[in-house]
């Protein structure tokens, strides 16, 4: 499984999305399931999937699907 496939899987499972919906650059609070609780669940799933521990500033700044590409690169993960 590629990094992008793992990344997409987390978004699809946490927020009950179809893969084509990710192309719309889903943003925090743009869908009901991406609230503060959903956000922390997504972060935990990403940390597990990629075996990383995200810094607090990165967790706070993780504001959209596409912004996550940039933030994951901070941990050596290219999406």
PDB file of N, CA and C in Angstrom:
ATOM      1  N   UNK A   1       0.851  -1.182   0.000  1.00  0.00           N
ATOM      2  CA  UNK A   1       0.000   0.000   0.000  1.00  0.00           C
ATOM      3  C   UNK A   1       0.895   1.242   0.000  1.00  0.00           C
ATOM      4  N   UNK A   2       0.605   2.186  -0.884  1.00  0.00           N
ATOM      5  CA  UNK A   2       1.393   3.414  -0.947  1.00  0.00           C
ATOM      6  C   UNK A   2       1.027   4.342   0.213  1.00  0.00           C
ATOM      7  N   UNK A   3       1.874   5.348   0.436  1.00  0.00           N
ATOM      8  CA  UNK A   3       1.580   6.331   1.482  1.00  0.00           C
ATOM      9  C   UNK A   3       0.265   7.045   1.215  1.00  0.00           C
ATOM     10  N   UNK A   4      -0.001   7.383  -0.052  1.00  0.00           N
ATOM     11  CA  UNK A   4      -1.253   8.074  -0.367  1.00  0.00           C
ATOM     12  C   UNK A   4      -2.450   7.165  -0.105  1.00  0.00           C
ATOM     13  N   UNK A   5      -2.328   5.881  -0.409  1.00  0.00           N
ATOM     14  CA  UNK A   5      -3.429   4.949  -0.147  1.00  0.00           C
ATOM     15  C   UNK A   5      -3.686   4.838   1.347  1.00  0.00           C
ATOM     16  N   UNK A   6      -2.627   4.774   2.166  1.00  0.00           N
ATOM     17  CA  UNK A   6      -2.799   4.708   3.622  1.00  0.00           C
ATOM     18  C   UNK A   6      -3.435   6.001   4.147  1.00  0.00           C
ATOM     19  N   UNK A   7      -2.955   7.122   3.627  1.00  0.00           N
ATOM     20  CA  UNK A   7      -3.475   8.430   4.033  1.00  0.00           C
ATOM     21  C   UNK A   7      -4.964   8.534   3.693  1.00  0.00           C
ATOM     22  N   UNK A   8      -5.297   8.181   2.449  1.00  0.00           N
ATOM     23  CA  UNK A   8      -6.698   8.234   2.016  1.00  0.00           C
ATOM     24  C   UNK A   8      -7.571   7.306   2.844  1.00  0.00           C
ATOM     25  N   UNK A   9      -7.063   6.132   3.160  1.00  0.00           N
ATOM     26  CA  UNK A   9      -7.830   5.159   3.942  1.00  0.00           C
ATOM     27  C   UNK A   9      -8.216   5.746   5.299  1.00  0.00           C
ATOM     28  N   UNK A  10      -7.283   6.450   5.926  1.00  0.00           N
ATOM     29  CA  UNK A  10      -7.581   7.074   7.219  1.00  0.00           C
ATOM     30  C   UNK A  10      -8.730   8.072   7.068  1.00  0.00           C
ATOM     31  N   UNK A  11      -8.647   8.943   6.067  1.00  0.00           N
ATOM     32  CA  UNK A  11      -9.708   9.928   5.850  1.00  0.00           C
ATOM     33  C   UNK A  11     -11.045   9.249   5.548  1.00  0.00           C
ATOM     34  N   UNK A  12     -11.024   8.238   4.699  1.00  0.00           N
ATOM     35  CA  UNK A  12     -12.270   7.566   4.318  1.00  0.00           C
ATOM     36  C   UNK A  12     -12.898   6.856   5.512  1.00  0.00           C
ATOM     37  N   UNK A  13     -12.078   6.211   6.351  1.00  0.00           N
ATOM     38  CA  UNK A  13     -12.617   5.488   7.501  1.00  0.00           C
ATOM     39  C   UNK A  13     -13.059   6.433   8.612  1.00  0.00           C
ATOM     40  N   UNK A  14     -12.278   7.455   8.894  1.00  0.00           N
ATOM     41  CA  UNK A  14     -12.615   8.367   9.991  1.00  0.00           C
ATOM     42  C   UNK A  14     -13.836   9.227   9.687  1.00  0.00           C
ATOM     43  N   UNK A  15     -13.982   9.607   8.423  1.00  0.00           N
ATOM     44  CA  UNK A  15     -15.033  10.555   8.076  1.00  0.00           C
ATOM     45  C   UNK A  15     -16.105   9.980   7.163  1.00  0.00           C
ATOM     46  N   UNK A  16     -16.103   8.662   6.973  1.00  0.00           N
ATOM     47  CA  UNK A  16     -17.100   7.976   6.133  1.00  0.00           C
ATOM     48  C   UNK A  16     -17.211   8.638   4.755  1.00  0.00           C
ATOM     49  N   UNK A  17     -16.081   8.764   4.098  1.00  0.00           N
ATOM     50  CA  UNK A  17     -16.019   9.387   2.783  1.00  0.00           C
ATOM     51  C   UNK A  17     -15.691   8.364   1.705  1.00  0.00           C
ATOM     52  N   UNK A  18     -16.060   8.703   0.482  1.00  0.00           N
ATOM     53  CA  UNK A  18     -15.634   7.934  -0.684  1.00  0.00           C
ATOM     54  C   UNK A  18     -14.366   8.596  -1.215  1.00  0.00           C
ATOM     55  N   UNK A  19     -13.530   7.815  -1.874  1.00  0.00           N
ATOM     56  CA  UNK A  19     -12.248   8.343  -2.328  1.00  0.00           C
ATOM     57  C   UNK A  19     -12.393   9.569  -3.234  1.00  0.00           C
ATOM     58  N   UNK A  20     -13.394   9.582  -4.098  1.00  0.00           N
ATOM     59  CA  UNK A  20     -13.566  10.727  -5.002  1.00  0.00           C
ATOM     60  C   UNK A  20     -13.892  12.013  -4.247  1.00  0.00           C
ATOM     61  N   UNK A  21     -14.460  11.909  -3.051  1.00  0.00           N
ATOM     62  CA  UNK A  21     -14.761  13.100  -2.258  1.00  0.00           C
ATOM     63  C   UNK A  21     -13.492  13.794  -1.765  1.00  0.00           C
ATOM     64  N   UNK A  22     -12.403  13.059  -1.664  1.00  0.00           N
ATOM     65  CA  UNK A  22     -11.149  13.636  -1.184  1.00  0.00           C
ATOM     66  C   UNK A  22     -10.574  14.646  -2.165  1.00  0.00           C
ATOM     67  N   UNK A  23     -10.947  14.544  -3.426  1.00  0.00           N
ATOM     68  CA  UNK A  23     -10.463  15.472  -4.446  1.00  0.00           C
ATOM     69  C   UNK A  23     -10.952  16.898  -4.200  1.00  0.00           C
ATOM     70  N   UNK A  24     -11.974  17.061  -3.395  1.00  0.00           N
ATOM     71  CA  UNK A  24     -12.547  18.378  -3.117  1.00  0.00           C
ATOM     72  C   UNK A  24     -11.811  19.127  -2.017  1.00  0.00           C
ATOM     73  N   UNK A  25     -10.667  18.614  -1.570  1.00  0.00           N
ATOM     74  CA  UNK A  25      -9.894  19.206  -0.474  1.00  0.00           C
ATOM     75  C   UNK A  25     -10.779  19.432   0.753  1.00  0.00           C
ATOM     76  N   UNK A  26     -11.186  18.347   1.342  1.00  0.00           N
ATOM     77  CA  UNK A  26     -12.000  18.375   2.562  1.00  0.00           C
ATOM     78  C   UNK A  26     -11.270  19.201   3.626  1.00  0.00           C
ATOM     79  N   UNK A  27     -12.001  20.054   4.318  1.00  0.00           N
ATOM     80  CA  UNK A  27     -11.414  20.897   5.352  1.00  0.00           C
ATOM     81  C   UNK A  27     -12.076  20.642   6.699  1.00  0.00           C
ATOM     82  N   UNK A  28     -11.341  20.959   7.756  1.00  0.00           N
ATOM     83  CA  UNK A  28     -11.846  20.860   9.121  1.00  0.00           C
ATOM     84  C   UNK A  28     -13.170  21.614   9.228  1.00  0.00           C
ATOM     85  N   UNK A  29     -14.138  20.968   9.813  1.00  0.00           N
ATOM     86  CA  UNK A  29     -15.494  21.498  10.004  1.00  0.00           C
ATOM     87  C   UNK A  29     -16.286  21.687   8.712  1.00  0.00           C
ATOM     88  N   UNK A  30     -15.764  21.225   7.574  1.00  0.00           N
ATOM     89  CA  UNK A  30     -16.541  21.319   6.330  1.00  0.00           C
ATOM     90  C   UNK A  30     -17.514  20.154   6.202  1.00  0.00           C
ATOM     91  N   UNK A  31     -17.269  19.118   6.984  1.00  0.00           N
ATOM     92  CA  UNK A  31     -18.197  17.986   7.068  1.00  0.00           C
ATOM     93  C   UNK A  31     -18.451  17.721   8.550  1.00  0.00           C
ATOM     94  N   UNK A  32     -19.625  17.236   8.863  1.00  0.00           N
ATOM     95  CA  UNK A  32     -20.029  17.085  10.262  1.00  0.00           C
ATOM     96  C   UNK A  32     -19.089  16.186  11.069  1.00  0.00           C
ATOM     97  N   UNK A  33     -18.564  15.146  10.440  1.00  0.00           N
ATOM     98  CA  UNK A  33     -17.732  14.202  11.191  1.00  0.00           C
ATOM     99  C   UNK A  33     -16.327  14.728  11.471  1.00  0.00           C
ATOM    100  N   UNK A  34     -15.897  15.800  10.785  1.00  0.00           N
ATOM    101  CA  UNK A  34     -14.581  16.369  11.069  1.00  0.00           C
ATOM    102  C   UNK A  34     -14.740  17.525  12.045  1.00  0.00           C
ATOM    103  N   UNK A  35     -15.104  17.152  13.255  1.00  0.00           N
ATOM    104  CA  UNK A  35     -15.182  18.101  14.359  1.00  0.00           C
ATOM    105  C   UNK A  35     -13.957  17.855  15.241  1.00  0.00           C
ATOM    106  N   UNK A  36     -13.915  18.402  16.432  1.00  0.00           N
ATOM    107  CA  UNK A  36     -12.727  18.263  17.276  1.00  0.00           C
ATOM    108  C   UNK A  36     -12.457  16.797  17.648  1.00  0.00           C
ATOM    109  N   UNK A  37     -13.500  16.045  17.898  1.00  0.00           N
ATOM    110  CA  UNK A  37     -13.322  14.631  18.248  1.00  0.00           C
ATOM    111  C   UNK A  37     -12.863  13.848  17.022  1.00  0.00           C
ATOM    112  N   UNK A  38     -13.495  14.089  15.891  1.00  0.00           N
ATOM    113  CA  UNK A  38     -13.088  13.430  14.654  1.00  0.00           C
ATOM    114  C   UNK A  38     -11.659  13.779  14.272  1.00  0.00           C
ATOM    115  N   UNK A  39     -11.273  15.016  14.544  1.00  0.00           N
ATOM    116  CA  UNK A  39      -9.912  15.467  14.242  1.00  0.00           C
ATOM    117  C   UNK A  39      -8.889  14.638  15.027  1.00  0.00           C
ATOM    118  N   UNK A  40      -9.129  14.489  16.313  1.00  0.00           N
ATOM    119  CA  UNK A  40      -8.179  13.735  17.141  1.00  0.00           C
ATOM    120  C   UNK A  40      -8.166  12.252  16.768  1.00  0.00           C
ATOM    121  N   UNK A  41      -9.313  11.700  16.383  1.00  0.00           N
ATOM    122  CA  UNK A  41      -9.358  10.319  15.918  1.00  0.00           C
ATOM    123  C   UNK A  41      -8.525  10.175  14.646  1.00  0.00           C
ATOM    124  N   UNK A  42      -8.653  11.120  13.719  1.00  0.00           N
ATOM    125  CA  UNK A  42      -7.885  11.081  12.475  1.00  0.00           C
ATOM    126  C   UNK A  42      -6.391  11.164  12.771  1.00  0.00           C
ATOM    127  N   UNK A  43      -5.994  12.066  13.658  1.00  0.00           N
ATOM    128  CA  UNK A  43      -4.577  12.210  14.010  1.00  0.00           C
ATOM    129  C   UNK A  43      -4.051  10.901  14.593  1.00  0.00           C
ATOM    130  N   UNK A  44      -4.803  10.295  15.500  1.00  0.00           N
ATOM    131  CA  UNK A  44      -4.377   9.026  16.099  1.00  0.00           C
ATOM    132  C   UNK A  44      -4.228   7.935  15.040  1.00  0.00           C
ATOM    133  N   UNK A  45      -5.164   7.888  14.108  1.00  0.00           N
ATOM    134  CA  UNK A  45      -5.093   6.883  13.034  1.00  0.00           C
ATOM    135  C   UNK A  45      -3.898   7.131  12.118  1.00  0.00           C
ATOM    136  N   UNK A  46      -3.615   8.396  11.800  1.00  0.00           N
ATOM    137  CA  UNK A  46      -2.447   8.710  10.980  1.00  0.00           C
ATOM    138  C   UNK A  46      -1.157   8.340  11.705  1.00  0.00           C
ATOM    139  N   UNK A  47      -1.101   8.642  12.993  1.00  0.00           N
ATOM    140  CA  UNK A  47       0.088   8.294  13.772  1.00  0.00           C
ATOM    141  C   UNK A  47       0.311   6.784  13.784  1.00  0.00           C
ATOM    142  N   UNK A  48      -0.760   6.020  13.933  1.00  0.00           N
ATOM    143  CA  UNK A  48      -0.649   4.555  13.907  1.00  0.00           C
ATOM    144  C   UNK A  48      -0.246   4.056  12.525  1.00  0.00           C
ATOM    145  N   UNK A  49      -0.888   4.585  11.493  1.00  0.00           N
ATOM    146  CA  UNK A  49      -0.644   4.102  10.132  1.00  0.00           C
ATOM    147  C   UNK A  49       0.788   4.359   9.683  1.00  0.00           C
ATOM    148  N   UNK A  50       1.358   5.477  10.123  1.00  0.00           N
ATOM    149  CA  UNK A  50       2.695   5.854   9.666  1.00  0.00           C
ATOM    150  C   UNK A  50       3.759   5.736  10.755  1.00  0.00           C
ATOM    151  N   UNK A  51       3.376   5.245  11.924  1.00  0.00           N
ATOM    152  CA  UNK A  51       4.300   5.039  13.041  1.00  0.00           C
ATOM    153  C   UNK A  51       5.070   6.329  13.369  1.00  0.00           C
ATOM    154  N   UNK A  52       4.299   7.391  13.586  1.00  0.00           N
ATOM    155  CA  UNK A  52       4.872   8.686  13.940  1.00  0.00           C
ATOM    156  C   UNK A  52       4.157   9.234  15.170  1.00  0.00           C
ATOM    157  N   UNK A  53       4.710  10.280  15.735  1.00  0.00           N
ATOM    158  CA  UNK A  53       4.064  11.026  16.809  1.00  0.00           C
ATOM    159  C   UNK A  53       4.102  12.494  16.397  1.00  0.00           C
ATOM    160  N   UNK A  54       2.949  13.033  16.096  1.00  0.00           N
ATOM    161  CA  UNK A  54       2.877  14.396  15.573  1.00  0.00           C
ATOM    162  C   UNK A  54       3.031  15.426  16.682  1.00  0.00           C
ATOM    163  N   UNK A  55       3.696  16.523  16.333  1.00  0.00           N
ATOM    164  CA  UNK A  55       3.871  17.652  17.249  1.00  0.00           C
ATOM    165  C   UNK A  55       2.537  18.395  17.396  1.00  0.00           C
ATOM    166  N   UNK A  56       2.336  19.017  18.537  1.00  0.00           N
ATOM    167  CA  UNK A  56       1.096  19.735  18.822  1.00  0.00           C
ATOM    168  C   UNK A  56       0.785  20.784  17.756  1.00  0.00           C
ATOM    169  N   UNK A  57       1.787  21.556  17.332  1.00  0.00           N
ATOM    170  CA  UNK A  57       1.547  22.585  16.311  1.00  0.00           C
ATOM    171  C   UNK A  57       1.055  21.976  15.001  1.00  0.00           C
ATOM    172  N   UNK A  58       1.592  20.804  14.633  1.00  0.00           N
ATOM    173  CA  UNK A  58       1.153  20.145  13.409  1.00  0.00           C
ATOM    174  C   UNK A  58      -0.282  19.644  13.540  1.00  0.00           C
ATOM    175  N   UNK A  59      -0.631  19.157  14.705  1.00  0.00           N
ATOM    176  CA  UNK A  59      -2.009  18.691  14.943  1.00  0.00           C
ATOM    177  C   UNK A  59      -2.979  19.862  14.798  1.00  0.00           C
ATOM    178  N   UNK A  60      -2.617  20.995  15.360  1.00  0.00           N
ATOM    179  CA  UNK A  60      -3.464  22.187  15.288  1.00  0.00           C
ATOM    180  C   UNK A  60      -3.552  22.701  13.855  1.00  0.00           C
ATOM    181  N   UNK A  61      -2.444  22.685  13.134  1.00  0.00           N
ATOM    182  CA  UNK A  61      -2.398  23.232  11.772  1.00  0.00           C
ATOM    183  C   UNK A  61      -2.952  22.290  10.714  1.00  0.00           C
ATOM    184  N   UNK A  62      -3.309  21.074  11.084  1.00  0.00           N
ATOM    185  CA  UNK A  62      -3.828  20.087  10.133  1.00  0.00           C
ATOM    186  C   UNK A  62      -5.271  20.464   9.811  1.00  0.00           C
ATOM    187  N   UNK A  63      -5.422  21.433   8.897  1.00  0.00           N
ATOM    188  CA  UNK A  63      -6.731  22.040   8.657  1.00  0.00           C
ATOM    189  C   UNK A  63      -7.454  21.522   7.425  1.00  0.00           C
ATOM    190  N   UNK A  64      -6.768  20.739   6.591  1.00  0.00           N
ATOM    191  CA  UNK A  64      -7.422  20.216   5.394  1.00  0.00           C
ATOM    192  C   UNK A  64      -6.700  18.965   4.909  1.00  0.00           C
ATOM    193  N   UNK A  65      -7.375  18.252   4.030  1.00  0.00           N
ATOM    194  CA  UNK A  65      -6.805  17.061   3.409  1.00  0.00           C
ATOM    195  C   UNK A  65      -5.470  17.400   2.745  1.00  0.00           C
ATOM    196  N   UNK A  66      -5.437  18.481   1.964  1.00  0.00           N
ATOM    197  CA  UNK A  66      -4.216  18.843   1.238  1.00  0.00           C
ATOM    198  C   UNK A  66      -3.145  19.417   2.160  1.00  0.00           C
ATOM    199  N   UNK A  67      -3.527  20.150   3.181  1.00  0.00           N
ATOM    200  CA  UNK A  67      -2.548  20.671   4.147  1.00  0.00           C
ATOM    201  C   UNK A  67      -1.815  19.512   4.814  1.00  0.00           C
ATOM    202  N   UNK A  68      -2.487  18.400   4.965  1.00  0.00           N
ATOM    203  CA  UNK A  68      -1.872  17.215   5.560  1.00  0.00           C
ATOM    204  C   UNK A  68      -0.679  16.704   4.769  1.00  0.00           C
ATOM    205  N   UNK A  69      -0.691  16.882   3.438  1.00  0.00           N
ATOM    206  CA  UNK A  69       0.453  16.452   2.627  1.00  0.00           C
ATOM    207  C   UNK A  69       1.722  17.158   3.116  1.00  0.00           C
ATOM    208  N   UNK A  70       1.602  18.465   3.292  1.00  0.00           N
ATOM    209  CA  UNK A  70       2.730  19.286   3.740  1.00  0.00           C
ATOM    210  C   UNK A  70       3.178  18.886   5.145  1.00  0.00           C
ATOM    211  N   UNK A  71       2.220  18.676   6.027  1.00  0.00           N
ATOM    212  CA  UNK A  71       2.551  18.343   7.417  1.00  0.00           C
ATOM    213  C   UNK A  71       3.164  16.954   7.532  1.00  0.00           C
ATOM    214  N   UNK A  72       2.692  16.011   6.747  1.00  0.00           N
ATOM    215  CA  UNK A  72       3.264  14.657   6.790  1.00  0.00           C
ATOM    216  C   UNK A  72       4.710  14.663   6.300  1.00  0.00           C
ATOM    217  N   UNK A  73       5.020  15.584   5.399  1.00  0.00           N
ATOM    218  CA  UNK A  73       6.406  15.698   4.896  1.00  0.00           C
ATOM    219  C   UNK A  73       7.359  16.082   6.027  1.00  0.00           C
ATOM    220  N   UNK A  74       6.856  16.753   7.059  1.00  0.00           N
ATOM    221  CA  UNK A  74       7.686  17.079   8.221  1.00  0.00           C
ATOM    222  C   UNK A  74       8.219  15.834   8.913  1.00  0.00           C
ATOM    223  N   UNK A  75       7.570  14.700   8.670  1.00  0.00           N
ATOM    224  CA  UNK A  75       7.946  13.435   9.298  1.00  0.00           C
ATOM    225  C   UNK A  75       8.572  12.471   8.290  1.00  0.00           C
ATOM    226  N   UNK A  76       8.975  13.012   7.151  1.00  0.00           N
ATOM    227  CA  UNK A  76       9.623  12.208   6.127  1.00  0.00           C
ATOM    228  C   UNK A  76       8.659  11.355   5.321  1.00  0.00           C
ATOM    229  N   UNK A  77       7.377  11.706   5.337  1.00  0.00           N
ATOM    230  CA  UNK A  77       6.366  10.918   4.637  1.00  0.00           C
ATOM    231  C   UNK A  77       5.847  11.728   3.461  1.00  0.00           C
ATOM    232  N   UNK A  78       6.134  11.257   2.262  1.00  0.00           N
ATOM    233  CA  UNK A  78       5.659  11.904   1.054  1.00  0.00           C
ATOM    234  C   UNK A  78       4.335  11.276   0.639  1.00  0.00           C
ATOM    235  N   UNK A  79       3.323  12.100   0.465  1.00  0.00           N
ATOM    236  CA  UNK A  79       1.999  11.621   0.060  1.00  0.00           C
ATOM    237  C   UNK A  79       1.831  11.835  -1.434  1.00  0.00           C
TER     238      UNK A  79
END
